[in-house]
PDB file of N, CA and C in Angstrom:
ATOM      1  N   UNK A   1       1.008  -1.213   0.108  1.00  0.00           N
ATOM      2  CA  UNK A   1       0.125  -0.194   0.200  1.00  0.00           C
ATOM      3  C   UNK A   1       0.761   1.419   0.207  1.00  0.00           C
ATOM      4  N   UNK A   2       0.324   2.209  -0.781  1.00  0.00           N
ATOM      5  CA  UNK A   2       1.372   3.557  -0.867  1.00  0.00           C
ATOM      6  C   UNK A   2       0.229   4.617  -0.424  1.00  0.00           C
ATOM      7  N   UNK A   3       0.805   5.440   0.574  1.00  0.00           N
ATOM      8  CA  UNK A   3       0.030   6.472   1.012  1.00  0.00           C
ATOM      9  C   UNK A   3       1.171   7.540   1.191  1.00  0.00           C
ATOM     10  N   UNK A   4       0.594   8.459  -0.098  1.00  0.00           N
ATOM     11  CA  UNK A   4       1.704   9.728  -0.434  1.00  0.00           C
ATOM     12  C   UNK A   4       2.784   9.097  -0.791  1.00  0.00           C
ATOM     13  N   UNK A   5       4.072   9.398  -0.231  1.00  0.00           N
ATOM     14  CA  UNK A   5       5.540   9.114  -0.528  1.00  0.00           C
ATOM     15  C   UNK A   5       5.977   8.090   0.455  1.00  0.00           C
ATOM     16  N   UNK A   6       5.193   7.546   1.371  1.00  0.00           N
ATOM     17  CA  UNK A   6       5.763   6.219   2.412  1.00  0.00           C
ATOM     18  C   UNK A   6       4.887   4.956   1.725  1.00  0.00           C
ATOM     19  N   UNK A   7       5.695   3.774   1.869  1.00  0.00           N
ATOM     20  CA  UNK A   7       5.266   2.584   1.443  1.00  0.00           C
ATOM     21  C   UNK A   7       4.860   1.940   2.642  1.00  0.00           C
ATOM     22  N   UNK A   8       3.898   1.390   2.910  1.00  0.00           N
ATOM     23  CA  UNK A   8       3.070   0.746   4.113  1.00  0.00           C
ATOM     24  C   UNK A   8       3.402  -0.825   3.565  1.00  0.00           C
ATOM     25  N   UNK A   9       3.326  -1.487   4.694  1.00  0.00           N
ATOM     26  CA  UNK A   9       3.628  -3.154   4.339  1.00  0.00           C
ATOM     27  C   UNK A   9       2.439  -3.782   5.759  1.00  0.00           C
ATOM     28  N   UNK A  10       1.847  -4.803   5.204  1.00  0.00           N
ATOM     29  CA  UNK A  10       1.638  -5.828   5.788  1.00  0.00           C
ATOM     30  C   UNK A  10       2.082  -7.186   5.933  1.00  0.00           C
ATOM     31  N   UNK A  11       2.905  -7.670   7.169  1.00  0.00           N
ATOM     32  CA  UNK A  11       3.462  -9.054   6.858  1.00  0.00           C
ATOM     33  C   UNK A  11       3.030 -10.213   7.945  1.00  0.00           C
ATOM     34  N   UNK A  12       2.724 -11.023   7.370  1.00  0.00           N
ATOM     35  CA  UNK A  12       2.201 -12.195   8.183  1.00  0.00           C
ATOM     36  C   UNK A  12       3.226 -13.467   8.444  1.00  0.00           C
ATOM     37  N   UNK A  13       3.373 -14.328   9.639  1.00  0.00           N
ATOM     38  CA  UNK A  13       4.181 -15.252  10.323  1.00  0.00           C
ATOM     39  C   UNK A  13       3.741 -16.163  10.498  1.00  0.00           C
ATOM     40  N   UNK A  14       4.218 -17.372  10.507  1.00  0.00           N
ATOM     41  CA  UNK A  14       3.394 -18.670  11.197  1.00  0.00           C
ATOM     42  C   UNK A  14       4.826 -19.356  11.578  1.00  0.00           C
ATOM     43  N   UNK A  15       5.150 -19.649  12.741  1.00  0.00           N
ATOM     44  CA  UNK A  15       5.959 -20.273  13.517  1.00  0.00           C
ATOM     45  C   UNK A  15       5.671 -21.595  14.072  1.00  0.00           C
ATOM     46  N   UNK A  16       6.345 -22.785  13.865  1.00  0.00           N
ATOM     47  CA  UNK A  16       6.135 -23.867  14.396  1.00  0.00           C
ATOM     48  C   UNK A  16       7.245 -24.355  15.259  1.00  0.00           C
ATOM     49  N   UNK A  17       6.852 -24.575  16.546  1.00  0.00           N
ATOM     50  CA  UNK A  17       7.544 -24.671  17.734  1.00  0.00           C
ATOM     51  C   UNK A  17       7.664 -26.160  17.872  1.00  0.00           C
ATOM     52  N   UNK A  18       8.664 -27.142  17.903  1.00  0.00           N
ATOM     53  CA  UNK A  18       9.139 -28.282  18.449  1.00  0.00           C
ATOM     54  C   UNK A  18       8.071 -29.282  17.140  1.00  0.00           C
ATOM     55  N   UNK A  19       8.615 -28.917  15.966  1.00  0.00           N
ATOM     56  CA  UNK A  19       7.958 -29.610  14.432  1.00  0.00           C
ATOM     57  C   UNK A  19       8.121 -31.038  14.549  1.00  0.00           C
ATOM     58  N   UNK A  20       8.801 -31.733  15.433  1.00  0.00           N
ATOM     59  CA  UNK A  20       8.860 -32.861  15.178  1.00  0.00           C
ATOM     60  C   UNK A  20       7.896 -33.462  16.032  1.00  0.00           C
ATOM     61  N   UNK A  21       7.501 -32.953  16.980  1.00  0.00           N
ATOM     62  CA  UNK A  21       6.189 -33.439  18.166  1.00  0.00           C
ATOM     63  C   UNK A  21       5.222 -33.300  17.619  1.00  0.00           C
ATOM     64  N   UNK A  22       5.029 -32.294  16.476  1.00  0.00           N
ATOM     65  CA  UNK A  22       3.850 -32.290  15.723  1.00  0.00           C
ATOM     66  C   UNK A  22       3.523 -33.603  14.687  1.00  0.00           C
ATOM     67  N   UNK A  23       4.653 -33.992  14.274  1.00  0.00           N
ATOM     68  CA  UNK A  23       4.853 -34.991  13.348  1.00  0.00           C
ATOM     69  C   UNK A  23       4.325 -36.604  13.847  1.00  0.00           C
ATOM     70  N   UNK A  24       4.831 -36.966  15.184  1.00  0.00           N
ATOM     71  CA  UNK A  24       4.955 -37.664  16.193  1.00  0.00           C
ATOM     72  C   UNK A  24       5.058 -37.697  17.605  1.00  0.00           C
ATOM     73  N   UNK A  25       3.988 -37.904  18.018  1.00  0.00           N
ATOM     74  CA  UNK A  25       3.751 -37.399  19.909  1.00  0.00           C
ATOM     75  C   UNK A  25       4.917 -38.193  20.572  1.00  0.00           C
ATOM     76  N   UNK A  26       5.799 -39.119  19.595  1.00  0.00           N
ATOM     77  CA  UNK A  26       6.827 -39.619  20.425  1.00  0.00           C
ATOM     78  C   UNK A  26       7.979 -38.912  20.361  1.00  0.00           C
ATOM     79  N   UNK A  27       8.296 -38.103  19.392  1.00  0.00           N
ATOM     80  CA  UNK A  27       9.173 -37.233  18.817  1.00  0.00           C
ATOM     81  C   UNK A  27       9.376 -35.659  20.120  1.00  0.00           C
ATOM     82  N   UNK A  28      10.614 -35.150  19.977  1.00  0.00           N
ATOM     83  CA  UNK A  28      10.464 -33.788  20.566  1.00  0.00           C
ATOM     84  C   UNK A  28      10.155 -33.926  21.672  1.00  0.00           C
ATOM     85  N   UNK A  29       9.963 -34.862  22.751  1.00  0.00           N
ATOM     86  CA  UNK A  29       9.547 -35.224  24.185  1.00  0.00           C
ATOM     87  C   UNK A  29      11.025 -34.484  24.735  1.00  0.00           C
ATOM     88  N   UNK A  30      11.051 -33.641  25.740  1.00  0.00           N
ATOM     89  CA  UNK A  30      11.885 -33.336  26.401  1.00  0.00           C
ATOM     90  C   UNK A  30      12.052 -34.402  27.856  1.00  0.00           C
ATOM     91  N   UNK A  31      13.280 -34.701  28.042  1.00  0.00           N
ATOM     92  CA  UNK A  31      13.878 -35.762  29.195  1.00  0.00           C
ATOM     93  C   UNK A  31      14.378 -34.884  30.481  1.00  0.00           C
ATOM     94  N   UNK A  32      13.894 -35.844  31.610  1.00  0.00           N
ATOM     95  CA  UNK A  32      14.569 -34.751  32.318  1.00  0.00           C
ATOM     96  C   UNK A  32      14.885 -36.175  33.308  1.00  0.00           C
ATOM     97  N   UNK A  33      16.281 -35.498  34.228  1.00  0.00           N
ATOM     98  CA  UNK A  33      16.824 -36.833  35.052  1.00  0.00           C
ATOM     99  C   UNK A  33      16.186 -36.998  36.139  1.00  0.00           C
ATOM    100  N   UNK A  34      15.939 -38.466  36.579  1.00  0.00           N
ATOM    101  CA  UNK A  34      15.006 -38.979  37.467  1.00  0.00           C
ATOM    102  C   UNK A  34      15.758 -38.437  39.198  1.00  0.00           C
ATOM    103  N   UNK A  35      17.509 -38.874  39.281  1.00  0.00           N
ATOM    104  CA  UNK A  35      17.830 -38.897  40.292  1.00  0.00           C
ATOM    105  C   UNK A  35      19.220 -38.062  39.618  1.00  0.00           C
ATOM    106  N   UNK A  36      19.882 -36.975  40.468  1.00  0.00           N
ATOM    107  CA  UNK A  36      21.183 -36.849  40.086  1.00  0.00           C
ATOM    108  C   UNK A  36      22.215 -37.517  40.719  1.00  0.00           C
ATOM    109  N   UNK A  37      21.913 -37.780  41.993  1.00  0.00           N
ATOM    110  CA  UNK A  37      22.650 -38.537  42.706  1.00  0.00           C
ATOM    111  C   UNK A  37      22.483 -39.862  43.142  1.00  0.00           C
ATOM    112  N   UNK A  38      22.619 -41.148  42.336  1.00  0.00           N
ATOM    113  CA  UNK A  38      22.394 -42.455  42.098  1.00  0.00           C
ATOM    114  C   UNK A  38      22.493 -43.025  43.542  1.00  0.00           C
ATOM    115  N   UNK A  39      23.730 -42.816  43.975  1.00  0.00           N
ATOM    116  CA  UNK A  39      24.016 -43.425  45.395  1.00  0.00           C
ATOM    117  C   UNK A  39      24.025 -43.062  46.694  1.00  0.00           C
ATOM    118  N   UNK A  40      23.741 -43.461  47.677  1.00  0.00           N
ATOM    119  CA  UNK A  40      23.756 -42.561  48.672  1.00  0.00           C
ATOM    120  C   UNK A  40      24.531 -43.117  49.575  1.00  0.00           C
ATOM    121  N   UNK A  41      25.623 -42.375  50.426  1.00  0.00           N
ATOM    122  CA  UNK A  41      26.328 -42.740  51.248  1.00  0.00           C
ATOM    123  C   UNK A  41      25.992 -42.865  52.540  1.00  0.00           C
ATOM    124  N   UNK A  42      25.687 -44.434  53.347  1.00  0.00           N
ATOM    125  CA  UNK A  42      24.945 -44.305  54.585  1.00  0.00           C
ATOM    126  C   UNK A  42      26.157 -44.357  55.677  1.00  0.00           C
ATOM    127  N   UNK A  43      27.358 -44.757  55.354  1.00  0.00           N
ATOM    128  CA  UNK A  43      28.324 -44.096  56.279  1.00  0.00           C
ATOM    129  C   UNK A  43      29.573 -45.454  56.148  1.00  0.00           C
ATOM    130  N   UNK A  44      31.032 -44.995  56.688  1.00  0.00           N
ATOM    131  CA  UNK A  44      31.997 -45.671  56.567  1.00  0.00           C
ATOM    132  C   UNK A  44      32.300 -46.848  57.480  1.00  0.00           C
ATOM    133  N   UNK A  45      32.853 -47.893  57.107  1.00  0.00           N
ATOM    134  CA  UNK A  45      33.144 -48.970  58.135  1.00  0.00           C
ATOM    135  C   UNK A  45      34.583 -48.670  59.003  1.00  0.00           C
ATOM    136  N   UNK A  46      34.577 -48.319  60.240  1.00  0.00           N
ATOM    137  CA  UNK A  46      35.560 -47.683  61.258  1.00  0.00           C
ATOM    138  C   UNK A  46      36.780 -48.758  60.807  1.00  0.00           C
ATOM    139  N   UNK A  47      36.758 -49.858  60.890  1.00  0.00           N
ATOM    140  CA  UNK A  47      38.155 -50.677  61.089  1.00  0.00           C
ATOM    141  C   UNK A  47      39.193 -50.660  59.543  1.00  0.00           C
ATOM    142  N   UNK A  48      38.323 -50.787  58.509  1.00  0.00           N
ATOM    143  CA  UNK A  48      39.014 -50.546  57.201  1.00  0.00           C
ATOM    144  C   UNK A  48      38.647 -49.319  56.509  1.00  0.00           C
ATOM    145  N   UNK A  49      37.795 -48.535  56.757  1.00  0.00           N
ATOM    146  CA  UNK A  49      37.282 -47.269  56.326  1.00  0.00           C
ATOM    147  C   UNK A  49      36.694 -47.256  54.813  1.00  0.00           C
ATOM    148  N   UNK A  50      36.079 -48.499  54.392  1.00  0.00           N
ATOM    149  CA  UNK A  50      35.032 -48.608  53.468  1.00  0.00           C
ATOM    150  C   UNK A  50      33.863 -48.247  53.443  1.00  0.00           C
ATOM    151  N   UNK A  51      33.340 -47.740  52.169  1.00  0.00           N
ATOM    152  CA  UNK A  51      32.344 -46.814  52.431  1.00  0.00           C
ATOM    153  C   UNK A  51      30.851 -47.830  52.053  1.00  0.00           C
ATOM    154  N   UNK A  52      29.887 -47.412  52.692  1.00  0.00           N
ATOM    155  CA  UNK A  52      28.622 -48.312  52.772  1.00  0.00           C
ATOM    156  C   UNK A  52      27.537 -47.161  51.770  1.00  0.00           C
ATOM    157  N   UNK A  53      27.238 -48.122  50.493  1.00  0.00           N
ATOM    158  CA  UNK A  53      26.308 -47.200  50.195  1.00  0.00           C
ATOM    159  C   UNK A  53      24.671 -47.904  49.875  1.00  0.00           C
ATOM    160  N   UNK A  54      23.860 -47.209  49.447  1.00  0.00           N
ATOM    161  CA  UNK A  54      22.606 -47.694  49.397  1.00  0.00           C
ATOM    162  C   UNK A  54      21.956 -47.182  47.946  1.00  0.00           C
ATOM    163  N   UNK A  55      21.046 -47.586  47.154  1.00  0.00           N
ATOM    164  CA  UNK A  55      20.674 -47.259  46.116  1.00  0.00           C
ATOM    165  C   UNK A  55      19.244 -46.859  46.402  1.00  0.00           C
ATOM    166  N   UNK A  56      18.870 -45.670  45.801  1.00  0.00           N
ATOM    167  CA  UNK A  56      17.742 -44.522  46.363  1.00  0.00           C
ATOM    168  C   UNK A  56      16.624 -45.356  45.946  1.00  0.00           C
ATOM    169  N   UNK A  57      15.633 -45.156  46.430  1.00  0.00           N
ATOM    170  CA  UNK A  57      14.331 -45.705  45.601  1.00  0.00           C
ATOM    171  C   UNK A  57      13.643 -44.236  44.554  1.00  0.00           C
ATOM    172  N   UNK A  58      12.793 -44.421  43.952  1.00  0.00           N
ATOM    173  CA  UNK A  58      11.976 -43.463  42.990  1.00  0.00           C
ATOM    174  C   UNK A  58      11.069 -43.057  43.884  1.00  0.00           C
ATOM    175  N   UNK A  59      10.089 -43.881  44.531  1.00  0.00           N
ATOM    176  CA  UNK A  59       9.330 -43.257  45.766  1.00  0.00           C
ATOM    177  C   UNK A  59       9.736 -43.980  46.790  1.00  0.00           C
ATOM    178  N   UNK A  60      10.161 -43.585  47.706  1.00  0.00           N
ATOM    179  CA  UNK A  60      10.518 -44.391  48.902  1.00  0.00           C
ATOM    180  C   UNK A  60       9.537 -44.219  50.047  1.00  0.00           C
ATOM    181  N   UNK A  61       8.359 -43.690  49.711  1.00  0.00           N
ATOM    182  CA  UNK A  61       7.053 -43.803  50.628  1.00  0.00           C
ATOM    183  C   UNK A  61       6.452 -45.265  50.190  1.00  0.00           C
ATOM    184  N   UNK A  62       6.553 -45.547  48.971  1.00  0.00           N
ATOM    185  CA  UNK A  62       5.770 -46.603  48.527  1.00  0.00           C
ATOM    186  C   UNK A  62       6.784 -47.933  48.091  1.00  0.00           C
ATOM    187  N   UNK A  63       8.337 -47.523  48.074  1.00  0.00           N
ATOM    188  CA  UNK A  63       9.609 -48.246  48.097  1.00  0.00           C
ATOM    189  C   UNK A  63       9.393 -49.029  46.403  1.00  0.00           C
ATOM    190  N   UNK A  64       8.796 -47.779  45.618  1.00  0.00           N
ATOM    191  CA  UNK A  64       9.407 -48.413  44.091  1.00  0.00           C
ATOM    192  C   UNK A  64      10.670 -47.974  43.981  1.00  0.00           C
ATOM    193  N   UNK A  65      11.319 -49.052  43.551  1.00  0.00           N
ATOM    194  CA  UNK A  65      12.469 -48.478  42.874  1.00  0.00           C
ATOM    195  C   UNK A  65      13.170 -47.578  41.566  1.00  0.00           C
ATOM    196  N   UNK A  66      14.326 -47.472  41.553  1.00  0.00           N
ATOM    197  CA  UNK A  66      14.470 -46.468  40.640  1.00  0.00           C
ATOM    198  C   UNK A  66      14.852 -47.362  39.299  1.00  0.00           C
ATOM    199  N   UNK A  67      14.357 -47.334  38.106  1.00  0.00           N
ATOM    200  CA  UNK A  67      14.407 -48.382  37.118  1.00  0.00           C
ATOM    201  C   UNK A  67      15.087 -47.743  36.105  1.00  0.00           C
ATOM    202  N   UNK A  68      14.587 -46.490  35.969  1.00  0.00           N
ATOM    203  CA  UNK A  68      15.123 -45.659  34.873  1.00  0.00           C
ATOM    204  C   UNK A  68      16.320 -44.254  34.757  1.00  0.00           C
ATOM    205  N   UNK A  69      16.957 -43.741  34.455  1.00  0.00           N
ATOM    206  CA  UNK A  69      17.568 -42.934  34.402  1.00  0.00           C
ATOM    207  C   UNK A  69      16.749 -41.443  34.440  1.00  0.00           C
ATOM    208  N   UNK A  70      16.009 -41.479  33.266  1.00  0.00           N
ATOM    209  CA  UNK A  70      15.310 -40.505  32.912  1.00  0.00           C
ATOM    210  C   UNK A  70      13.865 -40.453  32.726  1.00  0.00           C
ATOM    211  N   UNK A  71      12.986 -39.510  32.510  1.00  0.00           N
ATOM    212  CA  UNK A  71      11.732 -39.872  32.711  1.00  0.00           C
ATOM    213  C   UNK A  71      11.036 -38.478  31.926  1.00  0.00           C
ATOM    214  N   UNK A  72      10.083 -38.569  30.758  1.00  0.00           N
ATOM    215  CA  UNK A  72       9.659 -37.656  30.142  1.00  0.00           C
ATOM    216  C   UNK A  72       8.888 -36.078  31.093  1.00  0.00           C
ATOM    217  N   UNK A  73       9.610 -35.170  30.256  1.00  0.00           N
ATOM    218  CA  UNK A  73       9.093 -33.980  31.050  1.00  0.00           C
ATOM    219  C   UNK A  73       7.532 -33.690  30.219  1.00  0.00           C
ATOM    220  N   UNK A  74       6.475 -33.755  30.909  1.00  0.00           N
ATOM    221  CA  UNK A  74       5.177 -33.238  29.721  1.00  0.00           C
ATOM    222  C   UNK A  74       4.912 -31.873  30.178  1.00  0.00           C
ATOM    223  N   UNK A  75       5.773 -30.834  30.325  1.00  0.00           N
ATOM    224  CA  UNK A  75       5.442 -29.785  30.332  1.00  0.00           C
ATOM    225  C   UNK A  75       5.422 -28.995  28.952  1.00  0.00           C
ATOM    226  N   UNK A  76       5.283 -27.936  28.627  1.00  0.00           N
ATOM    227  CA  UNK A  76       4.752 -26.894  27.550  1.00  0.00           C
ATOM    228  C   UNK A  76       6.010 -27.234  26.737  1.00  0.00           C
ATOM    229  N   UNK A  77       7.174 -27.322  27.201  1.00  0.00           N
ATOM    230  CA  UNK A  77       8.526 -27.463  26.451  1.00  0.00           C
ATOM    231  C   UNK A  77       8.395 -29.028  25.460  1.00  0.00           C
ATOM    232  N   UNK A  78       7.462 -30.077  26.069  1.00  0.00           N
ATOM    233  CA  UNK A  78       7.246 -31.352  25.053  1.00  0.00           C
ATOM    234  C   UNK A  78       6.154 -31.219  24.180  1.00  0.00           C
ATOM    235  N   UNK A  79       5.766 -30.036  24.199  1.00  0.00           N
ATOM    236  CA  UNK A  79       4.410 -30.184  23.161  1.00  0.00           C
ATOM    237  C   UNK A  79       4.682 -29.183  21.874  1.00  0.00           C
ATOM    238  N   UNK A  80       4.243 -29.401  20.871  1.00  0.00           N
ATOM    239  CA  UNK A  80       4.131 -28.405  19.763  1.00  0.00           C
ATOM    240  C   UNK A  80       3.334 -27.414  20.019  1.00  0.00           C
ATOM    241  N   UNK A  81       3.855 -26.115  19.432  1.00  0.00           N
ATOM    242  CA  UNK A  81       3.309 -25.223  19.486  1.00  0.00           C
ATOM    243  C   UNK A  81       3.372 -24.275  18.107  1.00  0.00           C
ATOM    244  N   UNK A  82       1.733 -23.344  17.807  1.00  0.00           N
ATOM    245  CA  UNK A  82       1.756 -22.973  16.718  1.00  0.00           C
ATOM    246  C   UNK A  82       1.790 -21.215  16.965  1.00  0.00           C
ATOM    247  N   UNK A  83       2.388 -20.359  16.101  1.00  0.00           N
ATOM    248  CA  UNK A  83       2.598 -19.353  16.568  1.00  0.00           C
ATOM    249  C   UNK A  83       2.558 -18.161  15.421  1.00  0.00           C
ATOM    250  N   UNK A  84       1.296 -17.319  15.554  1.00  0.00           N
ATOM    251  CA  UNK A  84       0.541 -16.513  14.221  1.00  0.00           C
ATOM    252  C   UNK A  84       1.558 -15.197  14.280  1.00  0.00           C
ATOM    253  N   UNK A  85       1.731 -14.452  13.390  1.00  0.00           N
ATOM    254  CA  UNK A  85       2.468 -13.290  13.764  1.00  0.00           C
ATOM    255  C   UNK A  85       1.816 -12.315  12.552  1.00  0.00           C
ATOM    256  N   UNK A  86       1.799 -10.949  13.117  1.00  0.00           N
ATOM    257  CA  UNK A  86       1.013 -10.039  12.019  1.00  0.00           C
ATOM    258  C   UNK A  86       2.163  -8.869  12.791  1.00  0.00           C
ATOM    259  N   UNK A  87       2.620  -8.121  11.278  1.00  0.00           N
ATOM    260  CA  UNK A  87       3.215  -6.857  11.375  1.00  0.00           C
ATOM    261  C   UNK A  87       3.130  -5.777  10.520  1.00  0.00           C
ATOM    262  N   UNK A  88       2.918  -4.776  10.884  1.00  0.00           N
ATOM    263  CA  UNK A  88       2.762  -3.668  10.129  1.00  0.00           C
ATOM    264  C   UNK A  88       3.571  -2.678   9.741  1.00  0.00           C
ATOM    265  N   UNK A  89       4.402  -2.553   8.704  1.00  0.00           N
ATOM    266  CA  UNK A  89       5.439  -1.695   8.642  1.00  0.00           C
ATOM    267  C   UNK A  89       4.892  -0.225   8.027  1.00  0.00           C
ATOM    268  N   UNK A  90       5.244   0.862   8.699  1.00  0.00           N
ATOM    269  CA  UNK A  90       4.902   1.983   7.954  1.00  0.00           C
ATOM    270  C   UNK A  90       6.109   3.023   7.830  1.00  0.00           C
TER     271      UNK A  90
END
């Protein structure tokens, strides 16, 4: 569009965020670490100084063992998003 000596422009944009998750719901899923410290130090044996470790539970209240290092993060970062844009340049 021209108004006087100035040229005005209207610009549309479309952005797809996490495009792979749009194609397949198993792709583009963010992974999070279940436990940063896999072993817990319980104590040291006094005579020889060897450490005693325990393996943590994923849920200690229900005694569910930790079986995998990572789990799926189901937040907005793991979902595809569509973003529309409109820009008027004058």
